[in-house]
Amino acid sequence: MGSVGASNLWRRFTFVSKSDIASGTNSENDGVKRGTFSVNVFAQVFSFIVSIGIGVMLTPYLIHKLGPAYYGLIPLSLTIISYCGILTVAINTSVSRSLIQAIERKEASQANLIFNTSVAVCISIAAIVATALVAATTFLDRLVLVPEDGLAQARWLFGCTAVSFVVSTLVTPFSVSAFCRNRFEITHAISITRNIVRVSMIVFLFWYTEPSLKSVGLAGLASVVVEAILLFLAWRHLLPEIYFRVSNVEWATFKGLFSTGVWVSVFQVGTILLLSIDLVLVNRIFGPASGGEYAAVLQWSALLRNFSMSLAAVFAPTIMALYGKGDFPAVAGYAIRASRFVGYCMSIPIAILCGLAPFVLSVWLGPEFAKLAPLMIVLVAPLSINLAVMPLFSISIAADKIKIPGILTIGSGVINLLLAIALATRTPLGILGVALSGVIVLTLKNAIFTPIYAASNIDHSWRTFLTPLIRLSLFAGMLAGAAWSASNIIVIDSWLHIISVSLSLAVVYSLLLYRFVMDQEDRLFVNGKIHTLASRFGLGLLWENLPSSVRRP
């Protein structure tokens, strides 16, 4: 654990609900509200369950109504439009970091200056991006391959997605309020509402008119407008001391945001080349039908990645707040615990999906899609490493040390692009070659550079984050093997069978993980959070009456 003692590590990781880590002040007076870990994680898990439900139902529904070729254009449109979000992500990251540190230091005037400057920047970005998106929609047939007689529908889809992106850009500064107040349950509630509106609109428009990409685009636009309204209302509720005033903009503040944002942008370009170029390559090289199949399987990887990103974001405000207070030992201990926690949580669904891949695809999309099981395994299996390191990125952002990761990420992205083209066009691997390229490059980067660089930023041994990754990968592989073995013994041909086998394996794996992988601090953390959740649901007495061997590590 480096220089951080075990008892201190435990207290730092639990948001210190009864005392402030750095100053000893009451947590209720903190800018970043403490003691909300269990609420945030519960909200994230619930949001994840809703996302799974929507993904499980909506994807086969769209494929059945539109066909794989047309369906593939939906995630493809989101991918291409997201390329324009490089600067938006950079501004959002810079504003979150600067704003939360200003609030922690009780500097209201500086916080307002940062917020209003970011609003002005986002308005400028939206105006520039809107022009580029109009051109992209007009010349869409030169960017992607579209099914015959489907160009008009595709333009509607891309056009609505472009407008949605502009709206999202305009409300970007308002979206950081929940992050600053550590109120992720509000963020997840808004996200769930947006998804429900989108799905409801799609089903209604398909019924009222006819299934088309135009209806999907309009439904997406409506959901983003609802989300924007809710984000604005949340901002007014959570940050009443932050006001919107156009005149409160300062060039020096913009330069401060830009100094961090420029390297976040570089990092984002590399991330796009690593994670978001595959759909475009499959569409251009193999056609829209193959693109639709690839996009469907990619849903599971994206779902797991989004869940882990949100889970890692639960830890980010505390990491940044602690760093803003200069409590670097607390940052070190907290980051270690956060990385392990995310890794423990994500290894279970990753392993089960790999072990049951052909059965999940067959039940989910139909028997004809079971052939894509190798693709699913390639896309999902390496996530046991790639997702566990996500909390470590907050250290670089808090320390404003993202230049080196940015350069390395964009270099890795270029290598991925070239390797993917080579594997797709010069080998018989087909679309599997595109997936393998990204997996190889990204996993090497995250398994070697990311944990070592994070450890160096907090003055810890380079092995600090590597050992947990190795143990997690081994146990995830064991669980995947157990799931595959179970599939050869038990008939799995329905969601009930898949859920039953998955839950059984998850319970056994969790017990093994608890006893043989977690250390004493991990077990203390898990026990404490179980007790907190049990108390909130009126089950505290039941927990206290369990045998001490269960309640104590």
Protein backbone atom coordinates (compact mmCIF):
# COMPACT_ATOMS: atom_id res chain seq x y z
CA MET A 1 0.00 0.00 0.00
CA GLY A 2 3.00 2.28 -0.18
CA SER A 3 3.26 4.91 2.51
CA VAL A 4 -0.42 4.94 3.36
CA GLY A 5 -1.43 3.05 6.50
CA ALA A 6 -4.23 0.51 6.38
CA SER A 7 -6.52 2.32 8.77
CA ASN A 8 -6.03 5.67 7.05
CA LEU A 9 -6.64 4.03 3.69
CA TRP A 10 -9.95 2.66 4.87
CA ARG A 11 -11.14 6.03 6.18
CA ARG A 12 -10.09 7.89 3.04
CA PHE A 13 -11.86 5.51 0.74
CA THR A 14 -15.26 5.80 2.44
CA PHE A 15 -15.76 9.55 1.80
CA VAL A 16 -15.36 10.08 5.56
CA SER A 17 -19.01 10.68 6.27
CA LYS A 18 -18.38 11.84 9.87
CA SER A 19 -15.22 13.85 9.49
CA ASP A 20 -13.43 15.74 6.80
CA ILE A 21 -10.26 14.12 5.55
CA ALA A 22 -8.14 17.18 5.15
CA SER A 23 -9.41 19.79 7.54
CA GLY A 24 -11.46 17.96 10.13
CA THR A 25 -14.55 20.07 9.41
CA ASN A 26 -18.03 18.67 9.38
CA SER A 27 -18.88 17.04 6.07
CA GLU A 28 -22.10 18.99 5.76
CA ASN A 29 -20.09 22.14 5.26
CA ASP A 30 -17.99 20.68 2.48
CA GLY A 31 -18.40 21.81 -1.11
CA VAL A 32 -18.43 18.22 -2.18
CA LYS A 33 -20.98 16.36 -0.13
CA ARG A 34 -19.54 13.34 1.68
CA GLY A 35 -21.23 10.16 2.78
CA THR A 36 -23.04 9.61 -0.50
CA PHE A 37 -21.03 6.67 -1.78
CA SER A 38 -23.72 4.05 -1.21
CA VAL A 39 -26.40 6.24 -2.79
CA ASN A 40 -24.23 6.92 -5.82
CA VAL A 41 -23.31 3.28 -6.34
CA PHE A 42 -26.91 2.13 -5.85
CA ALA A 43 -28.10 4.71 -8.38
CA GLN A 44 -25.40 3.59 -10.81
CA VAL A 45 -26.32 -0.08 -10.45
CA PHE A 46 -30.00 0.73 -10.96
CA SER A 47 -29.16 2.84 -14.03
CA PHE A 48 -27.04 -0.04 -15.33
CA ILE A 49 -29.93 -2.48 -14.92
CA VAL A 50 -32.25 -0.11 -16.79
CA SER A 51 -29.65 0.26 -19.56
CA ILE A 52 -29.34 -3.50 -19.87
CA GLY A 53 -33.11 -3.83 -20.07
CA ILE A 54 -33.34 -1.19 -22.76
CA GLY A 55 -30.42 -2.64 -24.71
CA VAL A 56 -31.75 -6.18 -24.49
CA MET A 57 -35.17 -5.14 -25.77
CA LEU A 58 -34.44 -2.24 -28.10
CA THR A 59 -31.59 -3.68 -30.18
CA PRO A 60 -33.44 -6.80 -31.42
CA TYR A 61 -36.57 -4.68 -31.86
CA LEU A 62 -34.74 -2.25 -34.15
CA ILE A 63 -32.95 -5.03 -36.04
CA HIS A 64 -36.26 -6.82 -36.60
CA LYS A 65 -38.05 -3.65 -37.73
CA LEU A 66 -35.25 -2.05 -39.79
CA GLY A 67 -32.85 -4.88 -40.67
CA PRO A 68 -29.16 -5.14 -39.72
CA ALA A 69 -27.96 -2.79 -42.49
CA TYR A 70 -30.24 0.08 -41.45
CA TYR A 71 -29.77 -0.61 -37.74
CA GLY A 72 -25.99 -0.33 -38.11
CA LEU A 73 -26.36 3.30 -39.18
CA ILE A 74 -27.82 4.27 -35.79
CA PRO A 75 -24.70 3.64 -33.65
CA LEU A 76 -22.59 4.73 -36.63
CA SER A 77 -24.27 8.13 -36.67
CA LEU A 78 -23.63 8.57 -32.96
CA THR A 79 -20.00 7.58 -33.47
CA ILE A 80 -19.33 10.01 -36.31
CA ILE A 81 -21.14 12.89 -34.61
CA SER A 82 -19.16 12.21 -31.42
CA TYR A 83 -15.98 13.06 -33.32
CA CYS A 84 -17.11 16.66 -33.13
CA GLY A 85 -17.29 16.39 -29.35
CA ILE A 86 -13.55 16.40 -28.79
CA LEU A 87 -13.51 20.01 -27.62
CA THR A 88 -16.74 19.56 -25.65
CA VAL A 89 -15.25 16.70 -23.66
CA ALA A 90 -12.12 18.77 -23.08
CA ILE A 91 -14.11 21.74 -21.77
CA ASN A 92 -16.31 19.52 -19.61
CA THR A 93 -13.27 17.86 -18.03
CA SER A 94 -11.46 21.17 -17.46
CA VAL A 95 -14.53 22.88 -16.02
CA SER A 96 -15.29 19.95 -13.69
CA ARG A 97 -11.75 19.94 -12.37
CA SER A 98 -11.45 23.71 -11.95
CA LEU A 99 -14.97 24.29 -10.65
CA ILE A 100 -14.89 21.58 -7.98
CA GLN A 101 -11.52 22.82 -6.71
CA ALA A 102 -12.81 26.43 -6.58
CA ILE A 103 -15.88 25.30 -4.64
CA GLU A 104 -13.71 23.29 -2.24
CA ARG A 105 -11.66 26.44 -1.57
CA LYS A 106 -14.86 28.50 -1.03
CA GLU A 107 -13.96 30.81 -3.93
CA ALA A 108 -17.44 31.69 -5.22
CA SER A 109 -16.31 34.52 -7.53
CA GLN A 110 -13.72 32.31 -9.20
CA ALA A 111 -16.26 29.49 -9.57
CA ASN A 112 -18.68 31.88 -11.32
CA LEU A 113 -15.94 33.12 -13.60
CA ILE A 114 -15.04 29.56 -14.60
CA PHE A 115 -18.68 28.63 -15.22
CA ASN A 116 -19.57 31.67 -17.35
CA THR A 117 -16.38 31.41 -19.37
CA SER A 118 -17.19 27.78 -20.13
CA VAL A 119 -20.71 28.77 -21.26
CA ALA A 120 -19.25 31.29 -23.71
CA VAL A 121 -16.78 28.72 -25.02
CA CYS A 122 -19.50 26.09 -25.52
CA ILE A 123 -21.70 28.55 -27.43
CA SER A 124 -18.77 29.25 -29.77
CA ILE A 125 -18.04 25.54 -30.19
CA ALA A 126 -21.70 24.80 -30.94
CA ALA A 127 -21.77 27.43 -33.68
CA ILE A 128 -18.60 26.06 -35.33
CA VAL A 129 -19.64 22.43 -35.00
CA ALA A 130 -23.13 23.10 -36.40
CA THR A 131 -21.59 24.31 -39.67
CA ALA A 132 -19.40 21.22 -39.95
CA LEU A 133 -22.32 18.89 -39.22
CA VAL A 134 -24.48 20.49 -41.90
CA ALA A 135 -21.75 19.77 -44.44
CA ALA A 136 -21.32 16.21 -43.16
CA THR A 137 -25.04 15.50 -43.43
CA THR A 138 -25.19 16.96 -46.94
CA PHE A 139 -22.33 14.79 -48.21
CA LEU A 140 -23.22 11.77 -46.08
CA ASP A 141 -23.01 9.29 -48.96
CA ARG A 142 -19.32 10.13 -49.30
CA LEU A 143 -18.62 9.42 -45.64
CA VAL A 144 -20.36 6.07 -45.11
CA LEU A 145 -21.91 3.26 -47.13
CA VAL A 146 -25.71 3.41 -47.02
CA PRO A 147 -28.20 0.73 -48.17
CA GLU A 148 -29.83 1.35 -51.52
CA ASP A 149 -32.77 3.78 -51.36
CA GLY A 150 -31.83 4.62 -47.78
CA LEU A 151 -29.93 7.89 -48.23
CA ALA A 152 -32.87 10.17 -47.39
CA GLN A 153 -33.60 8.26 -44.16
CA ALA A 154 -29.93 8.25 -43.26
CA ARG A 155 -29.75 12.05 -43.71
CA TRP A 156 -32.72 12.48 -41.38
CA LEU A 157 -31.00 10.30 -38.80
CA PHE A 158 -27.66 12.09 -39.05
CA GLY A 159 -29.34 15.51 -39.13
CA CYS A 160 -31.36 14.87 -35.95
CA THR A 161 -28.30 13.38 -34.26
CA ALA A 162 -26.31 16.49 -35.23
CA VAL A 163 -28.93 18.84 -33.75
CA SER A 164 -28.98 16.68 -30.60
CA PHE A 165 -25.25 17.06 -30.33
CA VAL A 166 -25.45 20.86 -30.63
CA VAL A 167 -28.07 20.97 -27.86
CA SER A 168 -25.90 18.75 -25.66
CA THR A 169 -22.92 21.03 -26.31
CA LEU A 170 -24.86 24.10 -25.21
CA VAL A 171 -25.83 22.53 -21.88
CA THR A 172 -22.40 21.02 -21.18
CA PRO A 173 -21.47 23.58 -18.47
CA PHE A 174 -24.77 22.95 -16.68
CA SER A 175 -24.15 19.19 -16.60
CA VAL A 176 -21.23 19.46 -14.17
CA SER A 177 -23.41 20.49 -11.22
CA ALA A 178 -24.14 16.93 -10.07
CA PHE A 179 -20.45 16.08 -10.43
CA CYS A 180 -19.43 19.03 -8.27
CA ARG A 181 -21.93 18.17 -5.55
CA ASN A 182 -21.25 14.42 -5.76
CA ARG A 183 -24.95 13.83 -6.54
CA PHE A 184 -24.68 11.14 -9.18
CA GLU A 185 -28.14 9.80 -8.38
CA ILE A 186 -29.51 12.93 -10.06
CA THR A 187 -27.34 12.35 -13.13
CA HIS A 188 -28.55 8.76 -13.38
CA ALA A 189 -32.19 9.76 -12.88
CA ILE A 190 -31.87 12.21 -15.77
CA SER A 191 -30.14 9.57 -17.90
CA ILE A 192 -32.89 7.03 -17.18
CA THR A 193 -35.56 9.61 -18.05
CA ARG A 194 -33.82 10.40 -21.34
CA ASN A 195 -33.64 6.72 -22.28
CA ILE A 196 -37.29 6.12 -21.40
CA VAL A 197 -38.35 9.12 -23.51
CA ARG A 198 -36.24 7.91 -26.44
CA VAL A 199 -37.57 4.34 -26.35
CA SER A 200 -41.16 5.48 -25.89
CA MET A 201 -40.90 7.89 -28.81
CA ILE A 202 -39.37 5.23 -31.08
CA VAL A 203 -42.12 2.72 -30.32
CA PHE A 204 -44.83 5.37 -30.74
CA LEU A 205 -43.47 6.72 -34.03
CA PHE A 206 -42.95 3.21 -35.42
CA TRP A 207 -46.60 2.47 -34.57
CA TYR A 208 -48.04 5.83 -35.66
CA THR A 209 -46.12 6.13 -38.94
CA GLU A 210 -43.76 3.36 -40.02
CA PRO A 211 -40.38 1.98 -38.92
CA SER A 212 -37.69 4.31 -40.26
CA LEU A 213 -34.38 5.94 -39.38
CA LYS A 214 -36.20 9.29 -39.44
CA SER A 215 -38.34 8.20 -36.48
CA VAL A 216 -35.25 7.05 -34.58
CA GLY A 217 -33.57 10.40 -35.18
CA LEU A 218 -36.60 12.43 -34.06
CA ALA A 219 -36.97 10.30 -30.93
CA GLY A 220 -33.31 10.86 -30.07
CA LEU A 221 -33.67 14.62 -30.52
CA ALA A 222 -36.75 14.75 -28.28
CA SER A 223 -34.97 12.82 -25.53
CA VAL A 224 -31.95 15.16 -25.64
CA VAL A 225 -34.20 18.22 -25.33
CA VAL A 226 -35.84 16.70 -22.24
CA GLU A 227 -32.41 15.90 -20.83
CA ALA A 228 -31.23 19.48 -21.42
CA ILE A 229 -34.21 20.90 -19.52
CA LEU A 230 -33.62 18.56 -16.58
CA LEU A 231 -29.90 19.36 -16.48
CA PHE A 232 -30.68 23.08 -16.34
CA LEU A 233 -33.13 22.56 -13.47
CA ALA A 234 -30.58 20.40 -11.62
CA TRP A 235 -27.96 23.13 -12.03
CA ARG A 236 -30.27 25.74 -10.49
CA HIS A 237 -31.00 23.40 -7.58
CA LEU A 238 -27.46 22.16 -6.85
CA LEU A 239 -25.41 25.28 -7.51
CA PRO A 240 -27.57 28.28 -6.53
CA GLU A 241 -24.42 30.30 -5.85
CA ILE A 242 -23.39 29.92 -9.49
CA TYR A 243 -25.18 32.37 -11.77
CA PHE A 244 -25.26 32.87 -15.52
CA ARG A 245 -24.01 36.27 -16.67
CA VAL A 246 -22.61 36.82 -20.16
CA SER A 247 -20.43 39.72 -19.03
CA ASN A 248 -18.65 37.56 -16.44
CA VAL A 249 -16.17 36.10 -18.95
CA GLU A 250 -12.41 36.43 -18.71
CA TRP A 251 -9.73 35.63 -21.28
CA ALA A 252 -7.24 34.55 -18.63
CA THR A 253 -9.76 32.01 -17.30
CA PHE A 254 -10.27 30.69 -20.82
CA LYS A 255 -6.53 30.23 -21.20
CA GLY A 256 -6.45 28.33 -17.91
CA LEU A 257 -9.20 26.01 -19.10
CA PHE A 258 -7.57 25.66 -22.50
CA SER A 259 -4.20 24.67 -21.05
CA THR A 260 -5.80 21.57 -19.55
CA GLY A 261 -8.39 21.15 -22.29
CA VAL A 262 -5.93 21.03 -25.17
CA TRP A 263 -4.29 17.90 -23.83
CA VAL A 264 -7.64 16.40 -22.92
CA SER A 265 -8.53 16.98 -26.59
CA VAL A 266 -5.38 15.18 -27.70
CA PHE A 267 -6.27 12.35 -25.34
CA GLN A 268 -9.81 12.29 -26.76
CA VAL A 269 -8.56 12.08 -30.36
CA GLY A 270 -6.49 9.07 -29.40
CA THR A 271 -9.45 7.52 -27.57
CA ILE A 272 -11.62 7.93 -30.67
CA LEU A 273 -9.00 6.22 -32.81
CA LEU A 274 -8.83 3.41 -30.23
CA LEU A 275 -12.51 2.92 -29.42
CA SER A 276 -14.69 4.62 -32.01
CA ILE A 277 -13.05 4.01 -35.36
CA ASP A 278 -14.03 0.35 -35.69
CA LEU A 279 -17.66 0.96 -36.73
CA VAL A 280 -16.57 3.33 -39.48
CA LEU A 281 -13.93 0.89 -40.77
CA VAL A 282 -16.34 -2.07 -40.78
CA ASN A 283 -18.93 0.00 -42.65
CA ARG A 284 -16.44 1.25 -45.26
CA ILE A 285 -14.61 -2.07 -45.77
CA PHE A 286 -17.33 -4.70 -45.33
CA GLY A 287 -20.55 -2.77 -45.99
CA PRO A 288 -23.60 -1.71 -43.96
CA ALA A 289 -24.88 -5.26 -43.28
CA SER A 290 -21.65 -6.33 -41.59
CA GLY A 291 -21.59 -2.96 -39.87
CA GLY A 292 -25.01 -3.71 -38.37
CA GLU A 293 -23.87 -7.10 -37.02
CA TYR A 294 -20.71 -5.59 -35.56
CA ALA A 295 -22.68 -2.73 -33.98
CA ALA A 296 -25.11 -5.14 -32.32
CA VAL A 297 -22.35 -7.15 -30.65
CA LEU A 298 -20.51 -3.97 -29.72
CA GLN A 299 -23.50 -2.97 -27.58
CA TRP A 300 -22.35 -5.23 -24.74
CA SER A 301 -18.82 -3.85 -24.73
CA ALA A 302 -20.16 -0.28 -24.82
CA LEU A 303 -22.65 -1.02 -22.04
CA LEU A 304 -19.96 -2.42 -19.75
CA ARG A 305 -17.62 0.44 -20.59
CA ASN A 306 -20.26 3.09 -19.89
CA PHE A 307 -21.16 1.44 -16.59
CA SER A 308 -17.54 1.33 -15.47
CA MET A 309 -17.00 4.95 -16.55
CA SER A 310 -19.96 6.04 -14.43
CA LEU A 311 -18.78 3.87 -11.55
CA ALA A 312 -15.29 5.35 -11.80
CA ALA A 313 -16.84 8.84 -11.94
CA VAL A 314 -18.31 8.21 -8.48
CA PHE A 315 -14.75 8.35 -7.14
CA ALA A 316 -13.55 11.26 -9.28
CA PRO A 317 -14.98 14.19 -7.26
CA THR A 318 -13.30 12.97 -4.07
CA ILE A 319 -9.98 12.40 -5.83
CA MET A 320 -10.11 15.93 -7.25
CA ALA A 321 -11.32 17.47 -3.99
CA LEU A 322 -8.54 15.77 -2.01
CA TYR A 323 -5.99 16.86 -4.58
CA GLY A 324 -7.35 20.42 -4.45
CA LYS A 325 -6.78 20.42 -0.67
CA GLY A 326 -3.24 19.14 -1.17
CA ASP A 327 -3.88 15.88 0.70
CA PHE A 328 -1.75 13.73 -1.61
CA PRO A 329 -1.45 10.68 0.69
CA ALA A 330 -5.26 10.54 0.77
CA VAL A 331 -5.36 10.72 -3.03
CA ALA A 332 -2.99 7.75 -3.22
CA GLY A 333 -4.95 5.54 -0.85
CA TYR A 334 -8.31 6.44 -2.29
CA ALA A 335 -7.23 5.74 -5.88
CA ILE A 336 -5.88 2.31 -4.95
CA ARG A 337 -9.18 1.35 -3.36
CA ALA A 338 -11.24 2.80 -6.22
CA SER A 339 -9.34 0.86 -8.88
CA ARG A 340 -9.78 -2.40 -7.02
CA PHE A 341 -13.47 -1.79 -6.41
CA VAL A 342 -14.22 -1.10 -10.09
CA GLY A 343 -12.18 -4.13 -11.11
CA TYR A 344 -14.04 -6.40 -8.69
CA CYS A 345 -17.44 -5.19 -9.88
CA MET A 346 -16.72 -5.40 -13.61
CA SER A 347 -14.95 -8.77 -13.69
CA ILE A 348 -18.17 -10.66 -12.94
CA PRO A 349 -20.33 -9.59 -15.94
CA ILE A 350 -17.29 -9.66 -18.24
CA ALA A 351 -16.43 -13.26 -17.40
CA ILE A 352 -20.04 -14.49 -17.58
CA LEU A 353 -20.62 -12.83 -20.96
CA CYS A 354 -17.50 -14.47 -22.37
CA GLY A 355 -18.44 -17.90 -21.07
CA LEU A 356 -22.04 -17.71 -22.32
CA ALA A 357 -21.44 -15.63 -25.47
CA PRO A 358 -23.07 -17.94 -28.10
CA PHE A 359 -26.12 -18.53 -25.91
CA VAL A 360 -26.59 -14.84 -25.10
CA LEU A 361 -26.44 -13.93 -28.80
CA SER A 362 -28.77 -16.77 -29.80
CA VAL A 363 -31.42 -15.90 -27.23
CA TRP A 364 -31.00 -12.16 -27.66
CA LEU A 365 -30.90 -11.70 -31.45
CA GLY A 366 -31.65 -15.14 -32.86
CA PRO A 367 -29.75 -18.38 -33.60
CA GLU A 368 -28.26 -16.92 -36.79
CA PHE A 369 -26.25 -14.45 -34.68
CA ALA A 370 -24.56 -17.14 -32.53
CA LYS A 371 -21.76 -17.20 -35.12
CA LEU A 372 -20.66 -13.81 -33.76
CA ALA A 373 -19.66 -15.30 -30.37
CA PRO A 374 -15.89 -15.08 -31.13
CA LEU A 375 -16.37 -11.39 -31.89
CA MET A 376 -18.14 -10.84 -28.58
CA ILE A 377 -15.39 -12.63 -26.64
CA VAL A 378 -12.68 -10.57 -28.35
CA LEU A 379 -14.51 -7.31 -27.59
CA VAL A 380 -15.46 -8.13 -23.99
CA ALA A 381 -12.68 -10.29 -22.46
CA PRO A 382 -9.92 -7.61 -22.31
CA LEU A 383 -12.28 -5.25 -20.46
CA SER A 384 -11.31 -6.97 -17.21
CA ILE A 385 -8.08 -4.97 -17.48
CA ASN A 386 -9.19 -1.94 -19.47
CA LEU A 387 -12.04 -1.03 -17.13
CA ALA A 388 -10.25 -1.63 -13.84
CA VAL A 389 -7.80 1.20 -14.57
CA MET A 390 -10.48 3.84 -15.22
CA PRO A 391 -10.40 5.44 -11.76
CA LEU A 392 -6.68 6.06 -12.26
CA PHE A 393 -7.37 8.59 -15.02
CA SER A 394 -8.78 10.99 -12.42
CA ILE A 395 -5.33 11.26 -10.85
CA SER A 396 -3.81 12.62 -14.05
CA ILE A 397 -6.69 15.06 -14.52
CA ALA A 398 -6.54 16.27 -10.91
CA ALA A 399 -2.77 16.69 -11.16
CA ASP A 400 -3.10 18.31 -14.59
CA LYS A 401 -0.60 15.77 -15.92
CA ILE A 402 -2.28 14.60 -19.11
CA LYS A 403 0.26 15.66 -21.70
CA ILE A 404 2.15 12.36 -21.73
CA PRO A 405 -1.02 10.18 -21.63
CA GLY A 406 -2.48 12.32 -24.42
CA ILE A 407 0.52 11.89 -26.70
CA LEU A 408 0.72 8.16 -26.00
CA THR A 409 -3.01 7.68 -26.55
CA ILE A 410 -3.05 9.44 -29.90
CA GLY A 411 0.02 7.44 -30.95
CA SER A 412 -1.74 4.23 -29.90
CA GLY A 413 -4.82 5.33 -31.83
CA VAL A 414 -2.86 5.81 -35.04
CA ILE A 415 -1.26 2.37 -34.62
CA ASN A 416 -4.72 0.88 -34.06
CA LEU A 417 -6.07 2.50 -37.22
CA LEU A 418 -3.24 1.20 -39.38
CA LEU A 419 -3.27 -2.26 -37.81
CA ALA A 420 -7.05 -2.57 -38.13
CA ILE A 421 -6.93 -1.74 -41.84
CA ALA A 422 -4.13 -4.24 -42.36
CA LEU A 423 -5.85 -7.06 -40.48
CA ALA A 424 -9.19 -6.38 -42.17
CA THR A 425 -7.88 -6.18 -45.73
CA ARG A 426 -4.83 -8.47 -45.77
CA THR A 427 -5.96 -11.38 -43.58
CA PRO A 428 -8.99 -13.71 -43.60
CA LEU A 429 -10.06 -12.47 -40.17
CA GLY A 430 -12.74 -10.15 -41.56
CA ILE A 431 -14.50 -7.95 -39.00
CA LEU A 432 -12.76 -9.91 -36.25
CA GLY A 433 -9.48 -8.33 -37.39
CA VAL A 434 -10.83 -4.84 -36.71
CA ALA A 435 -11.81 -5.85 -33.18
CA LEU A 436 -8.50 -7.61 -32.50
CA SER A 437 -6.52 -4.54 -33.44
CA GLY A 438 -8.22 -2.27 -30.94
CA VAL A 439 -8.11 -4.89 -28.22
CA ILE A 440 -4.37 -5.54 -28.61
CA VAL A 441 -3.31 -1.90 -28.69
CA LEU A 442 -5.63 -0.66 -25.93
CA THR A 443 -4.93 -3.54 -23.56
CA LEU A 444 -1.17 -3.18 -23.89
CA LYS A 445 -1.47 0.52 -23.11
CA ASN A 446 -3.74 0.06 -20.09
CA ALA A 447 -1.97 -3.00 -18.71
CA ILE A 448 1.47 -1.39 -18.74
CA PHE A 449 1.53 2.38 -19.08
CA THR A 450 -1.66 3.48 -17.29
CA PRO A 451 -1.06 1.80 -13.88
CA ILE A 452 2.65 2.65 -13.84
CA TYR A 453 2.05 6.30 -14.77
CA ALA A 454 -0.72 6.64 -12.17
CA ALA A 455 1.55 5.19 -9.49
CA SER A 456 4.31 7.63 -10.43
CA ASN A 457 1.93 10.58 -10.05
CA ILE A 458 1.22 9.64 -6.45
CA ASP A 459 4.77 8.63 -5.52
CA HIS A 460 4.01 4.92 -5.20
CA SER A 461 5.77 1.83 -6.45
CA TRP A 462 5.22 1.01 -10.11
CA ARG A 463 3.73 -2.33 -9.01
CA THR A 464 0.99 -0.68 -6.91
CA PHE A 465 -1.82 -1.11 -9.45
CA LEU A 466 -0.36 -3.99 -11.48
CA THR A 467 -0.76 -6.78 -8.94
CA PRO A 468 -4.55 -6.39 -8.55
CA LEU A 469 -4.94 -6.36 -12.36
CA ILE A 470 -3.14 -9.69 -12.69
CA ARG A 471 -5.18 -11.35 -9.96
CA LEU A 472 -8.46 -10.02 -11.33
CA SER A 473 -7.66 -11.25 -14.85
CA LEU A 474 -6.84 -14.74 -13.59
CA PHE A 475 -10.03 -15.03 -11.59
CA ALA A 476 -12.13 -13.60 -14.42
CA GLY A 477 -10.66 -16.26 -16.73
CA MET A 478 -11.57 -18.94 -14.20
CA LEU A 479 -15.17 -17.68 -14.03
CA ALA A 480 -15.43 -17.57 -17.84
CA GLY A 481 -14.24 -21.18 -17.96
CA ALA A 482 -16.80 -22.15 -15.33
CA ALA A 483 -19.57 -20.46 -17.33
CA TRP A 484 -18.50 -22.29 -20.49
CA SER A 485 -18.43 -25.60 -18.63
CA ALA A 486 -21.90 -24.97 -17.23
CA SER A 487 -23.21 -24.28 -20.74
CA ASN A 488 -22.05 -27.75 -21.81
CA ILE A 489 -23.95 -29.38 -18.95
CA ILE A 490 -27.12 -27.29 -18.72
CA VAL A 491 -29.49 -26.49 -21.58
CA ILE A 492 -29.45 -22.71 -22.05
CA ASP A 493 -32.11 -21.55 -24.48
CA SER A 494 -33.97 -18.74 -22.69
CA TRP A 495 -33.33 -15.60 -20.69
CA LEU A 496 -34.47 -17.44 -17.56
CA HIS A 497 -31.71 -20.01 -18.05
CA ILE A 498 -29.10 -17.34 -18.76
CA ILE A 499 -30.06 -15.28 -15.70
CA SER A 500 -30.17 -18.34 -13.42
CA VAL A 501 -26.75 -19.60 -14.49
CA SER A 502 -25.28 -16.09 -14.32
CA LEU A 503 -26.57 -15.40 -10.81
CA SER A 504 -25.33 -18.77 -9.55
CA LEU A 505 -21.88 -18.22 -10.99
CA ALA A 506 -21.81 -14.62 -9.74
CA VAL A 507 -22.56 -15.68 -6.15
CA VAL A 508 -19.88 -18.39 -6.15
CA TYR A 509 -17.35 -16.07 -7.81
CA SER A 510 -18.11 -13.24 -5.37
CA LEU A 511 -17.49 -15.53 -2.41
CA LEU A 512 -14.18 -16.72 -3.89
CA LEU A 513 -13.24 -13.14 -4.72
CA TYR A 514 -14.06 -12.04 -1.18
CA ARG A 515 -12.04 -14.78 0.48
CA PHE A 516 -9.04 -15.27 -1.80
CA VAL A 517 -8.56 -12.06 -3.85
CA MET A 518 -9.62 -9.17 -1.61
CA ASP A 519 -7.32 -8.11 1.18
CA GLN A 520 -8.52 -7.13 4.66
CA GLU A 521 -9.10 -3.50 3.68
CA ASP A 522 -11.26 -4.57 0.72
CA ARG A 523 -13.36 -6.80 2.97
CA LEU A 524 -13.78 -4.00 5.50
CA PHE A 525 -14.95 -1.73 2.70
CA VAL A 526 -17.47 -4.28 1.36
CA ASN A 527 -18.81 -5.10 4.83
CA GLY A 528 -19.21 -1.43 5.65
CA LYS A 529 -21.14 -0.67 2.48
CA ILE A 530 -23.38 -3.73 2.85
CA HIS A 531 -24.20 -2.63 6.38
CA THR A 532 -24.95 0.91 5.21
CA LEU A 533 -27.26 -0.28 2.43
CA ALA A 534 -28.94 -2.81 4.74
CA SER A 535 -29.63 -0.08 7.30
CA ARG A 536 -31.15 2.22 4.69
CA PHE A 537 -33.56 -0.51 3.63
CA GLY A 538 -34.46 -1.41 7.22
CA LEU A 539 -32.34 -4.58 7.24
CA GLY A 540 -29.63 -3.42 9.61
CA LEU A 541 -30.81 -5.70 12.42
CA LEU A 542 -30.77 -8.69 10.07
CA TRP A 543 -27.17 -7.90 9.13
CA GLU A 544 -26.13 -7.55 12.78
CA ASN A 545 -27.63 -10.96 13.56
CA LEU A 546 -25.56 -12.74 10.92
CA PRO A 547 -22.61 -14.84 12.17
CA SER A 548 -19.51 -12.81 12.93
CA SER A 549 -17.58 -14.89 10.39
CA VAL A 550 -19.81 -13.38 7.70
CA ARG A 551 -19.77 -9.80 8.99
CA ARG A 552 -16.04 -9.63 9.68
CA PRO A 553 -13.10 -10.37 7.35
